[in-house]
Amino acid sequence: MNKLDFLEELRYYLRNLSSQDQKEITQDFEEHFEMGRAEGKTDEEIVRSLGSPQQIAKDLQSTQQYEKVPVNHSEQNQFPRIGIIIGLFFFNLIIILGPSIGIAGTILGIWVIAFSFVAQLFIAGVQWIIHPESFYLFELFSSITLAGSGLLIFIVINYVTNAAIRIFSRYIAFNVRLVKGEDRA
């Protein structure tokens, strides 16, 4: 992929941003290409070092959401903002942190359980190869049952993990909006 292909693909994935933002971002990447060429790199090497245009656009769009909020820096608004920050800090520390760690630990534990259920099938296979005389069909069928249960748990916990990440991201964004003084509208 050369410079033109890279920038065209990047513009395509940045189509949800304003034209001004798109222009600034593409100018930054054009400068990146110029600096890379000055160092003796080819377009392909520069593209490889930059990464996927789709991933770059995704990262830029997620950071744009937090940077768009204008901040009012007048002296009279600083004390309430500091109070909000201190209040949020203690609220998050006392009320939110404990349950969040508990939920994250539970999710991690369920991932480990699902993995161990699926791994049980492979462990039973190794046991059958090493000690075939002491291997019973009950062990085989219970291993198959556990592996099936583990796969079902994988599916469910994947959805639960994604939902927890979305909720946590929204909560962080809410905290940022609250600190910056953005209205809820």
N, C-alpha and C. Protein backbone atom coordinates (compact mmCIF):
# COMPACT_ATOMS: atom_id res chain seq x y z
N MET A 1 0.86 -1.17 0.00
CA MET A 1 0.00 0.00 0.00
C MET A 1 0.91 1.24 0.00
N ASN A 2 0.61 2.18 -0.89
CA ASN A 2 1.41 3.39 -0.93
C ASN A 2 0.70 4.52 -0.18
N LYS A 3 1.31 5.70 -0.24
CA LYS A 3 0.81 6.85 0.52
C LYS A 3 -0.62 7.21 0.10
N LEU A 4 -0.88 7.27 -1.20
CA LEU A 4 -2.21 7.67 -1.68
C LEU A 4 -3.28 6.68 -1.24
N ASP A 5 -2.97 5.38 -1.37
CA ASP A 5 -3.94 4.37 -0.94
C ASP A 5 -4.21 4.47 0.56
N PHE A 6 -3.14 4.66 1.33
CA PHE A 6 -3.27 4.77 2.78
C PHE A 6 -4.15 5.96 3.15
N LEU A 7 -3.85 7.13 2.58
CA LEU A 7 -4.62 8.34 2.92
C LEU A 7 -6.06 8.24 2.46
N GLU A 8 -6.28 7.61 1.29
CA GLU A 8 -7.65 7.44 0.80
C GLU A 8 -8.45 6.53 1.73
N GLU A 9 -7.84 5.44 2.15
CA GLU A 9 -8.52 4.53 3.07
C GLU A 9 -8.76 5.20 4.42
N LEU A 10 -7.79 5.99 4.88
CA LEU A 10 -7.95 6.71 6.15
C LEU A 10 -9.10 7.71 6.05
N ARG A 11 -9.19 8.44 4.94
CA ARG A 11 -10.30 9.39 4.75
C ARG A 11 -11.64 8.66 4.76
N TYR A 12 -11.67 7.47 4.16
CA TYR A 12 -12.92 6.71 4.13
C TYR A 12 -13.37 6.37 5.55
N TYR A 13 -12.45 5.92 6.39
CA TYR A 13 -12.82 5.54 7.75
C TYR A 13 -13.05 6.75 8.66
N LEU A 14 -12.57 7.92 8.24
CA LEU A 14 -12.79 9.14 9.03
C LEU A 14 -14.01 9.93 8.55
N ARG A 15 -14.83 9.34 7.70
CA ARG A 15 -15.94 10.07 7.08
C ARG A 15 -16.96 10.58 8.10
N ASN A 16 -16.99 10.03 9.30
CA ASN A 16 -17.94 10.48 10.32
C ASN A 16 -17.48 11.75 11.02
N LEU A 17 -16.21 12.12 10.86
CA LEU A 17 -15.70 13.34 11.47
C LEU A 17 -15.97 14.54 10.57
N SER A 18 -15.83 15.72 11.12
CA SER A 18 -16.04 16.93 10.32
C SER A 18 -14.93 17.05 9.27
N SER A 19 -15.22 17.79 8.21
CA SER A 19 -14.23 17.93 7.13
C SER A 19 -12.96 18.61 7.64
N GLN A 20 -13.11 19.53 8.58
CA GLN A 20 -11.94 20.21 9.15
C GLN A 20 -11.06 19.21 9.91
N ASP A 21 -11.68 18.35 10.72
CA ASP A 21 -10.92 17.33 11.45
C ASP A 21 -10.24 16.37 10.48
N GLN A 22 -10.97 15.95 9.44
CA GLN A 22 -10.39 15.05 8.44
C GLN A 22 -9.17 15.69 7.78
N LYS A 23 -9.30 16.97 7.44
CA LYS A 23 -8.20 17.67 6.77
C LYS A 23 -6.98 17.75 7.68
N GLU A 24 -7.18 18.08 8.95
CA GLU A 24 -6.06 18.18 9.90
C GLU A 24 -5.37 16.83 10.08
N ILE A 25 -6.17 15.78 10.20
CA ILE A 25 -5.60 14.44 10.42
C ILE A 25 -4.81 13.99 9.20
N THR A 26 -5.38 14.17 8.01
CA THR A 26 -4.65 13.74 6.81
C THR A 26 -3.39 14.57 6.61
N GLN A 27 -3.41 15.86 6.97
CA GLN A 27 -2.20 16.67 6.87
C GLN A 27 -1.12 16.13 7.82
N ASP A 28 -1.53 15.73 9.01
CA ASP A 28 -0.57 15.15 9.95
C ASP A 28 0.08 13.90 9.37
N PHE A 29 -0.72 13.05 8.74
CA PHE A 29 -0.17 11.82 8.19
C PHE A 29 0.67 12.09 6.94
N GLU A 30 0.32 13.13 6.17
CA GLU A 30 1.17 13.50 5.04
C GLU A 30 2.54 13.96 5.54
N GLU A 31 2.56 14.71 6.63
CA GLU A 31 3.83 15.12 7.23
C GLU A 31 4.61 13.90 7.72
N HIS A 32 3.89 12.91 8.22
CA HIS A 32 4.52 11.67 8.67
C HIS A 32 5.23 11.00 7.49
N PHE A 33 4.55 10.96 6.34
CA PHE A 33 5.15 10.36 5.16
C PHE A 33 6.38 11.16 4.71
N GLU A 34 6.29 12.49 4.76
CA GLU A 34 7.43 13.32 4.35
C GLU A 34 8.63 13.09 5.26
N MET A 35 8.39 13.00 6.57
CA MET A 35 9.49 12.74 7.50
C MET A 35 10.09 11.35 7.27
N GLY A 36 9.23 10.37 7.00
CA GLY A 36 9.72 9.03 6.73
C GLY A 36 10.55 8.96 5.46
N ARG A 37 10.12 9.67 4.43
CA ARG A 37 10.89 9.70 3.19
C ARG A 37 12.22 10.39 3.40
N ALA A 38 12.23 11.42 4.26
CA ALA A 38 13.49 12.12 4.55
C ALA A 38 14.47 11.19 5.26
N GLU A 39 13.94 10.21 6.00
CA GLU A 39 14.79 9.22 6.67
C GLU A 39 15.19 8.08 5.75
N GLY A 40 14.70 8.11 4.49
CA GLY A 40 15.06 7.09 3.52
C GLY A 40 14.12 5.90 3.49
N LYS A 41 12.97 6.00 4.11
CA LYS A 41 12.02 4.89 4.12
C LYS A 41 11.13 4.94 2.88
N THR A 42 10.65 3.77 2.46
CA THR A 42 9.69 3.71 1.36
C THR A 42 8.29 3.88 1.92
N ASP A 43 7.33 4.12 1.01
CA ASP A 43 5.94 4.27 1.45
C ASP A 43 5.45 3.02 2.16
N GLU A 44 5.83 1.85 1.66
CA GLU A 44 5.37 0.60 2.26
C GLU A 44 5.90 0.46 3.69
N GLU A 45 7.15 0.85 3.91
CA GLU A 45 7.71 0.77 5.27
C GLU A 45 7.00 1.74 6.21
N ILE A 46 6.69 2.92 5.69
CA ILE A 46 6.00 3.92 6.51
C ILE A 46 4.60 3.43 6.86
N VAL A 47 3.91 2.86 5.86
CA VAL A 47 2.55 2.34 6.09
C VAL A 47 2.59 1.23 7.13
N ARG A 48 3.57 0.33 7.03
CA ARG A 48 3.68 -0.76 8.00
C ARG A 48 3.92 -0.22 9.41
N SER A 49 4.74 0.84 9.51
CA SER A 49 5.02 1.39 10.84
C SER A 49 3.81 2.12 11.41
N LEU A 50 2.97 2.68 10.54
CA LEU A 50 1.78 3.39 11.03
C LEU A 50 0.68 2.45 11.47
N GLY A 51 0.53 1.33 10.77
CA GLY A 51 -0.52 0.38 11.12
C GLY A 51 -1.72 0.51 10.19
N SER A 52 -2.80 -0.10 10.58
CA SER A 52 -4.01 -0.15 9.78
C SER A 52 -4.74 1.19 9.80
N PRO A 53 -5.13 1.72 8.63
CA PRO A 53 -5.91 2.97 8.62
C PRO A 53 -7.23 2.84 9.37
N GLN A 54 -7.83 1.66 9.32
CA GLN A 54 -9.09 1.45 10.02
C GLN A 54 -8.89 1.56 11.53
N GLN A 55 -7.83 0.96 12.05
CA GLN A 55 -7.57 1.04 13.49
C GLN A 55 -7.19 2.45 13.90
N ILE A 56 -6.41 3.12 13.06
CA ILE A 56 -6.03 4.51 13.36
C ILE A 56 -7.28 5.38 13.44
N ALA A 57 -8.18 5.22 12.46
CA ALA A 57 -9.41 6.02 12.45
C ALA A 57 -10.27 5.72 13.67
N LYS A 58 -10.34 4.45 14.04
CA LYS A 58 -11.13 4.07 15.21
C LYS A 58 -10.57 4.73 16.47
N ASP A 59 -9.25 4.69 16.62
CA ASP A 59 -8.62 5.32 17.79
C ASP A 59 -8.83 6.82 17.79
N LEU A 60 -8.67 7.45 16.63
CA LEU A 60 -8.84 8.90 16.54
C LEU A 60 -10.28 9.31 16.85
N GLN A 61 -11.25 8.54 16.36
CA GLN A 61 -12.65 8.88 16.61
C GLN A 61 -12.99 8.73 18.08
N SER A 62 -12.42 7.73 18.75
CA SER A 62 -12.73 7.57 20.17
C SER A 62 -12.11 8.70 20.99
N THR A 63 -10.93 9.18 20.61
CA THR A 63 -10.34 10.30 21.35
C THR A 63 -11.02 11.61 21.01
N GLN A 64 -11.57 11.74 19.81
CA GLN A 64 -12.27 12.96 19.41
C GLN A 64 -13.49 13.19 20.29
N GLN A 65 -14.15 12.12 20.73
CA GLN A 65 -15.35 12.26 21.56
C GLN A 65 -15.03 12.98 22.86
N TYR A 66 -13.85 12.73 23.43
CA TYR A 66 -13.50 13.34 24.70
C TYR A 66 -12.92 14.74 24.52
N GLU A 67 -12.37 15.05 23.35
CA GLU A 67 -11.73 16.34 23.14
C GLU A 67 -12.69 17.41 22.65
N LYS A 68 -13.88 17.04 22.21
CA LYS A 68 -14.81 18.00 21.62
C LYS A 68 -15.44 18.94 22.64
N VAL A 69 -15.49 18.53 23.89
CA VAL A 69 -16.20 19.30 24.90
C VAL A 69 -15.40 20.56 25.24
N PRO A 70 -15.96 21.76 25.02
CA PRO A 70 -15.23 22.97 25.37
C PRO A 70 -15.17 23.13 26.89
N VAL A 71 -14.08 23.65 27.35
CA VAL A 71 -13.88 23.82 28.78
C VAL A 71 -13.86 25.30 29.10
N ASN A 72 -14.65 25.70 30.09
CA ASN A 72 -14.71 27.08 30.53
C ASN A 72 -13.73 27.24 31.69
N HIS A 73 -12.69 28.03 31.50
CA HIS A 73 -11.64 28.16 32.50
C HIS A 73 -11.74 29.44 33.31
N SER A 74 -12.92 29.96 33.51
CA SER A 74 -13.03 31.18 34.30
C SER A 74 -12.75 30.87 35.77
N GLU A 75 -12.27 31.86 36.49
CA GLU A 75 -11.89 31.69 37.89
C GLU A 75 -13.06 31.24 38.76
N GLN A 76 -14.24 31.77 38.50
CA GLN A 76 -15.37 31.47 39.37
C GLN A 76 -15.85 30.03 39.22
N ASN A 77 -15.54 29.37 38.11
CA ASN A 77 -15.99 28.00 37.91
C ASN A 77 -14.99 26.96 38.42
N GLN A 78 -13.82 27.37 38.87
CA GLN A 78 -12.80 26.42 39.28
C GLN A 78 -13.12 25.74 40.61
N PHE A 79 -13.66 26.46 41.57
CA PHE A 79 -13.94 25.85 42.87
C PHE A 79 -15.04 24.79 42.80
N PRO A 80 -16.14 25.03 42.10
CA PRO A 80 -17.12 23.94 41.98
C PRO A 80 -16.55 22.74 41.23
N ARG A 81 -15.72 22.99 40.23
CA ARG A 81 -15.13 21.89 39.47
C ARG A 81 -14.20 21.07 40.36
N ILE A 82 -13.42 21.75 41.19
CA ILE A 82 -12.53 21.04 42.11
C ILE A 82 -13.36 20.22 43.11
N GLY A 83 -14.46 20.79 43.57
CA GLY A 83 -15.35 20.05 44.46
C GLY A 83 -15.93 18.81 43.79
N ILE A 84 -16.31 18.96 42.52
CA ILE A 84 -16.84 17.82 41.77
C ILE A 84 -15.77 16.75 41.62
N ILE A 85 -14.55 17.16 41.31
CA ILE A 85 -13.46 16.19 41.14
C ILE A 85 -13.19 15.45 42.44
N ILE A 86 -13.11 16.17 43.54
CA ILE A 86 -12.86 15.53 44.84
C ILE A 86 -14.02 14.61 45.22
N GLY A 87 -15.25 15.09 45.01
CA GLY A 87 -16.41 14.26 45.31
C GLY A 87 -16.45 12.99 44.47
N LEU A 88 -16.18 13.13 43.16
CA LEU A 88 -16.15 11.96 42.29
C LEU A 88 -15.04 10.99 42.70
N PHE A 89 -13.90 11.53 43.08
CA PHE A 89 -12.79 10.67 43.49
C PHE A 89 -13.20 9.80 44.67
N PHE A 90 -13.75 10.41 45.70
CA PHE A 90 -14.13 9.64 46.88
C PHE A 90 -15.32 8.73 46.60
N PHE A 91 -16.28 9.19 45.81
CA PHE A 91 -17.42 8.35 45.46
C PHE A 91 -16.94 7.12 44.69
N ASN A 92 -16.08 7.34 43.70
CA ASN A 92 -15.57 6.22 42.91
C ASN A 92 -14.71 5.29 43.77
N LEU A 93 -13.93 5.87 44.67
CA LEU A 93 -13.05 5.07 45.52
C LEU A 93 -13.85 4.22 46.51
N ILE A 94 -14.86 4.81 47.14
CA ILE A 94 -15.59 4.13 48.20
C ILE A 94 -16.73 3.27 47.66
N ILE A 95 -17.51 3.81 46.75
CA ILE A 95 -18.73 3.13 46.31
C ILE A 95 -18.50 2.27 45.06
N ILE A 96 -17.76 2.74 44.09
CA ILE A 96 -17.67 2.08 42.79
C ILE A 96 -16.51 1.09 42.71
N LEU A 97 -15.38 1.40 43.31
CA LEU A 97 -14.18 0.57 43.14
C LEU A 97 -14.37 -0.86 43.63
N GLY A 98 -14.92 -1.04 44.82
CA GLY A 98 -15.09 -2.39 45.37
C GLY A 98 -15.96 -3.29 44.50
N PRO A 99 -17.19 -2.86 44.18
CA PRO A 99 -18.00 -3.70 43.30
C PRO A 99 -17.39 -3.90 41.91
N SER A 100 -16.68 -2.89 41.41
CA SER A 100 -16.05 -3.04 40.09
C SER A 100 -14.98 -4.12 40.12
N ILE A 101 -14.17 -4.11 41.18
CA ILE A 101 -13.15 -5.15 41.31
C ILE A 101 -13.81 -6.52 41.48
N GLY A 102 -14.89 -6.57 42.26
CA GLY A 102 -15.61 -7.83 42.44
C GLY A 102 -16.19 -8.36 41.14
N ILE A 103 -16.80 -7.48 40.36
CA ILE A 103 -17.37 -7.89 39.07
C ILE A 103 -16.27 -8.33 38.12
N ALA A 104 -15.17 -7.56 38.07
CA ALA A 104 -14.06 -7.93 37.19
C ALA A 104 -13.46 -9.27 37.60
N GLY A 105 -13.33 -9.50 38.91
CA GLY A 105 -12.81 -10.78 39.39
C GLY A 105 -13.74 -11.94 39.06
N THR A 106 -15.04 -11.70 39.19
CA THR A 106 -16.01 -12.74 38.85
C THR A 106 -15.94 -13.08 37.36
N ILE A 107 -15.87 -12.05 36.53
CA ILE A 107 -15.78 -12.29 35.09
C ILE A 107 -14.50 -13.05 34.76
N LEU A 108 -13.38 -12.64 35.35
CA LEU A 108 -12.12 -13.33 35.12
C LEU A 108 -12.21 -14.79 35.59
N GLY A 109 -12.81 -15.01 36.75
CA GLY A 109 -12.97 -16.37 37.25
C GLY A 109 -13.80 -17.24 36.33
N ILE A 110 -14.86 -16.68 35.78
CA ILE A 110 -15.70 -17.45 34.86
C ILE A 110 -14.94 -17.76 33.57
N TRP A 111 -14.10 -16.82 33.09
CA TRP A 111 -13.26 -17.11 31.92
C TRP A 111 -12.32 -18.28 32.23
N VAL A 112 -11.74 -18.29 33.42
CA VAL A 112 -10.82 -19.37 33.80
C VAL A 112 -11.57 -20.70 33.89
N ILE A 113 -12.76 -20.67 34.46
CA ILE A 113 -13.57 -21.89 34.55
C ILE A 113 -13.90 -22.42 33.16
N ALA A 114 -14.32 -21.54 32.26
CA ALA A 114 -14.65 -21.97 30.90
C ALA A 114 -13.43 -22.58 30.22
N PHE A 115 -12.29 -21.94 30.38
CA PHE A 115 -11.07 -22.46 29.77
C PHE A 115 -10.71 -23.83 30.35
N SER A 116 -10.83 -23.97 31.66
CA SER A 116 -10.47 -25.25 32.29
C SER A 116 -11.45 -26.35 31.89
N PHE A 117 -12.72 -26.03 31.69
CA PHE A 117 -13.68 -27.03 31.23
C PHE A 117 -13.30 -27.53 29.84
N VAL A 118 -12.94 -26.62 28.96
CA VAL A 118 -12.55 -27.03 27.60
C VAL A 118 -11.23 -27.79 27.65
N ALA A 119 -10.30 -27.35 28.49
CA ALA A 119 -9.00 -28.01 28.59
C ALA A 119 -9.14 -29.42 29.16
N GLN A 120 -10.18 -29.68 29.92
CA GLN A 120 -10.39 -31.00 30.52
C GLN A 120 -10.47 -32.08 29.44
N LEU A 121 -11.04 -31.77 28.30
CA LEU A 121 -11.14 -32.74 27.22
C LEU A 121 -9.74 -33.14 26.73
N PHE A 122 -8.86 -32.16 26.60
CA PHE A 122 -7.50 -32.45 26.15
C PHE A 122 -6.72 -33.20 27.23
N ILE A 123 -6.96 -32.86 28.47
CA ILE A 123 -6.29 -33.56 29.57
C ILE A 123 -6.74 -35.02 29.61
N ALA A 124 -8.02 -35.26 29.39
CA ALA A 124 -8.52 -36.64 29.36
C ALA A 124 -7.91 -37.40 28.19
N GLY A 125 -7.74 -36.73 27.05
CA GLY A 125 -7.10 -37.37 25.90
C GLY A 125 -5.67 -37.76 26.18
N VAL A 126 -4.94 -36.89 26.85
CA VAL A 126 -3.56 -37.20 27.22
C VAL A 126 -3.53 -38.35 28.22
N GLN A 127 -4.46 -38.36 29.16
CA GLN A 127 -4.51 -39.45 30.14
C GLN A 127 -4.81 -40.77 29.42
N TRP A 128 -5.67 -40.74 28.44
CA TRP A 128 -6.01 -41.96 27.70
C TRP A 128 -4.80 -42.47 26.93
N ILE A 129 -3.98 -41.55 26.39
CA ILE A 129 -2.79 -41.96 25.64
C ILE A 129 -1.73 -42.52 26.60
N ILE A 130 -1.55 -41.89 27.74
CA ILE A 130 -0.50 -42.31 28.67
C ILE A 130 -0.89 -43.57 29.45
N HIS A 131 -2.13 -43.62 29.97
CA HIS A 131 -2.59 -44.76 30.77
C HIS A 131 -3.89 -45.31 30.19
N PRO A 132 -3.85 -46.00 29.06
CA PRO A 132 -5.10 -46.48 28.47
C PRO A 132 -5.79 -47.57 29.31
N GLU A 133 -5.04 -48.30 30.11
CA GLU A 133 -5.64 -49.37 30.90
C GLU A 133 -6.49 -48.85 32.05
N SER A 134 -6.21 -47.63 32.53
CA SER A 134 -6.97 -47.09 33.65
C SER A 134 -7.97 -46.01 33.22
N PHE A 135 -8.22 -45.94 31.92
CA PHE A 135 -9.13 -44.90 31.41
C PHE A 135 -10.52 -45.51 31.23
N TYR A 136 -11.53 -44.84 31.79
CA TYR A 136 -12.90 -45.33 31.71
C TYR A 136 -13.70 -44.44 30.77
N LEU A 137 -14.74 -45.02 30.18
CA LEU A 137 -15.59 -44.25 29.28
C LEU A 137 -16.31 -43.13 30.01
N PHE A 138 -16.58 -43.34 31.29
CA PHE A 138 -17.22 -42.28 32.07
C PHE A 138 -16.37 -41.01 32.05
N GLU A 139 -15.05 -41.16 32.16
CA GLU A 139 -14.15 -40.00 32.12
C GLU A 139 -14.22 -39.31 30.77
N LEU A 140 -14.32 -40.09 29.70
CA LEU A 140 -14.42 -39.51 28.36
C LEU A 140 -15.71 -38.71 28.22
N PHE A 141 -16.82 -39.31 28.61
CA PHE A 141 -18.11 -38.62 28.44
C PHE A 141 -18.24 -37.42 29.38
N SER A 142 -17.71 -37.53 30.58
CA SER A 142 -17.76 -36.36 31.47
C SER A 142 -16.86 -35.25 30.93
N SER A 143 -15.74 -35.60 30.31
CA SER A 143 -14.87 -34.59 29.71
C SER A 143 -15.55 -33.91 28.53
N ILE A 144 -16.25 -34.68 27.73
CA ILE A 144 -16.99 -34.11 26.59
C ILE A 144 -18.08 -33.18 27.10
N THR A 145 -18.78 -33.59 28.15
CA THR A 145 -19.82 -32.74 28.74
C THR A 145 -19.24 -31.44 29.28
N LEU A 146 -18.13 -31.55 29.99
CA LEU A 146 -17.49 -30.35 30.52
C LEU A 146 -17.00 -29.43 29.40
N ALA A 147 -16.44 -30.01 28.33
CA ALA A 147 -15.97 -29.19 27.22
C ALA A 147 -17.13 -28.47 26.55
N GLY A 148 -18.25 -29.17 26.37
CA GLY A 148 -19.43 -28.51 25.80
C GLY A 148 -19.94 -27.40 26.69
N SER A 149 -19.97 -27.67 27.99
CA SER A 149 -20.38 -26.62 28.94
C SER A 149 -19.42 -25.45 28.89
N GLY A 150 -18.14 -25.73 28.80
CA GLY A 150 -17.14 -24.67 28.71
C GLY A 150 -17.32 -23.80 27.49
N LEU A 151 -17.64 -24.42 26.35
CA LEU A 151 -17.87 -23.64 25.13
C LEU A 151 -19.10 -22.75 25.27
N LEU A 152 -20.15 -23.29 25.89
CA LEU A 152 -21.34 -22.46 26.12
C LEU A 152 -21.03 -21.31 27.07
N ILE A 153 -20.25 -21.60 28.10
CA ILE A 153 -19.86 -20.54 29.04
C ILE A 153 -19.02 -19.48 28.32
N PHE A 154 -18.12 -19.91 27.40
CA PHE A 154 -17.34 -18.96 26.62
C PHE A 154 -18.25 -17.98 25.89
N ILE A 155 -19.28 -18.50 25.26
CA ILE A 155 -20.20 -17.65 24.49
C ILE A 155 -20.89 -16.64 25.41
N VAL A 156 -21.41 -17.12 26.53
CA VAL A 156 -22.14 -16.23 27.44
C VAL A 156 -21.21 -15.20 28.07
N ILE A 157 -20.05 -15.65 28.54
CA ILE A 157 -19.15 -14.71 29.24
C ILE A 157 -18.56 -13.70 28.28
N ASN A 158 -18.46 -14.04 27.01
CA ASN A 158 -18.00 -13.07 26.01
C ASN A 158 -18.99 -11.90 25.93
N TYR A 159 -20.28 -12.21 25.88
CA TYR A 159 -21.30 -11.15 25.86
C TYR A 159 -21.28 -10.34 27.16
N VAL A 160 -21.14 -11.03 28.27
CA VAL A 160 -21.12 -10.34 29.57
C VAL A 160 -19.90 -9.42 29.66
N THR A 161 -18.75 -9.90 29.20
CA THR A 161 -17.54 -9.08 29.23
C THR A 161 -17.69 -7.84 28.36
N ASN A 162 -18.22 -8.01 27.15
CA ASN A 162 -18.42 -6.85 26.27
C ASN A 162 -19.40 -5.86 26.87
N ALA A 163 -20.46 -6.36 27.49
CA ALA A 163 -21.43 -5.46 28.12
C ALA A 163 -20.78 -4.71 29.29
N ALA A 164 -19.98 -5.40 30.08
CA ALA A 164 -19.31 -4.74 31.21
C ALA A 164 -18.34 -3.67 30.73
N ILE A 165 -17.63 -3.95 29.65
CA ILE A 165 -16.70 -2.96 29.09
C ILE A 165 -17.46 -1.74 28.59
N ARG A 166 -18.60 -1.98 27.91
CA ARG A 166 -19.41 -0.85 27.42
C ARG A 166 -19.93 -0.01 28.58
N ILE A 167 -20.42 -0.66 29.61
CA ILE A 167 -20.95 0.07 30.77
C ILE A 167 -19.83 0.86 31.45
N PHE A 168 -18.67 0.25 31.62
CA PHE A 168 -17.55 0.94 32.25
C PHE A 168 -17.11 2.14 31.40
N SER A 169 -17.06 1.98 30.08
CA SER A 169 -16.68 3.09 29.20
C SER A 169 -17.68 4.23 29.29
N ARG A 170 -18.96 3.90 29.34
CA ARG A 170 -19.98 4.95 29.47
C ARG A 170 -19.85 5.66 30.81
N TYR A 171 -19.54 4.92 31.85
CA TYR A 171 -19.39 5.54 33.17
C TYR A 171 -18.19 6.48 33.18
N ILE A 172 -17.10 6.06 32.57
CA ILE A 172 -15.92 6.93 32.48
C ILE A 172 -16.26 8.19 31.69
N ALA A 173 -16.96 8.03 30.56
CA ALA A 173 -17.34 9.19 29.75
C ALA A 173 -18.26 10.11 30.54
N PHE A 174 -19.17 9.53 31.33
CA PHE A 174 -20.05 10.34 32.18
C PHE A 174 -19.24 11.14 33.18
N ASN A 175 -18.25 10.51 33.81
CA ASN A 175 -17.39 11.22 34.76
C ASN A 175 -16.64 12.36 34.08
N VAL A 176 -16.13 12.11 32.88
CA VAL A 176 -15.41 13.16 32.15
C VAL A 176 -16.34 14.32 31.83
N ARG A 177 -17.55 14.01 31.36
CA ARG A 177 -18.51 15.08 31.06
C ARG A 177 -18.88 15.85 32.32
N LEU A 178 -19.02 15.16 33.42
CA LEU A 178 -19.37 15.82 34.68
C LEU A 178 -18.26 16.76 35.14
N VAL A 179 -17.02 16.32 35.03
CA VAL A 179 -15.90 17.16 35.44
C VAL A 179 -15.75 18.37 34.52
N LYS A 180 -15.97 18.17 33.22
CA LYS A 180 -15.82 19.28 32.28
C LYS A 180 -17.01 20.22 32.30
N GLY A 181 -18.08 19.84 32.96
CA GLY A 181 -19.24 20.72 33.08
C GLY A 181 -20.17 20.68 31.90
N GLU A 182 -20.14 19.62 31.14
CA GLU A 182 -21.02 19.50 29.98
C GLU A 182 -22.44 19.20 30.44
N ASP A 183 -23.41 19.79 29.75
CA ASP A 183 -24.81 19.49 30.05
C ASP A 183 -25.16 18.10 29.58
N ARG A 184 -26.20 17.54 30.15
CA ARG A 184 -26.62 16.19 29.77
C ARG A 184 -27.40 16.16 28.48
N ALA A 185 -27.85 17.27 27.97
CA ALA A 185 -28.68 17.33 26.78
C ALA A 185 -27.98 16.73 25.63
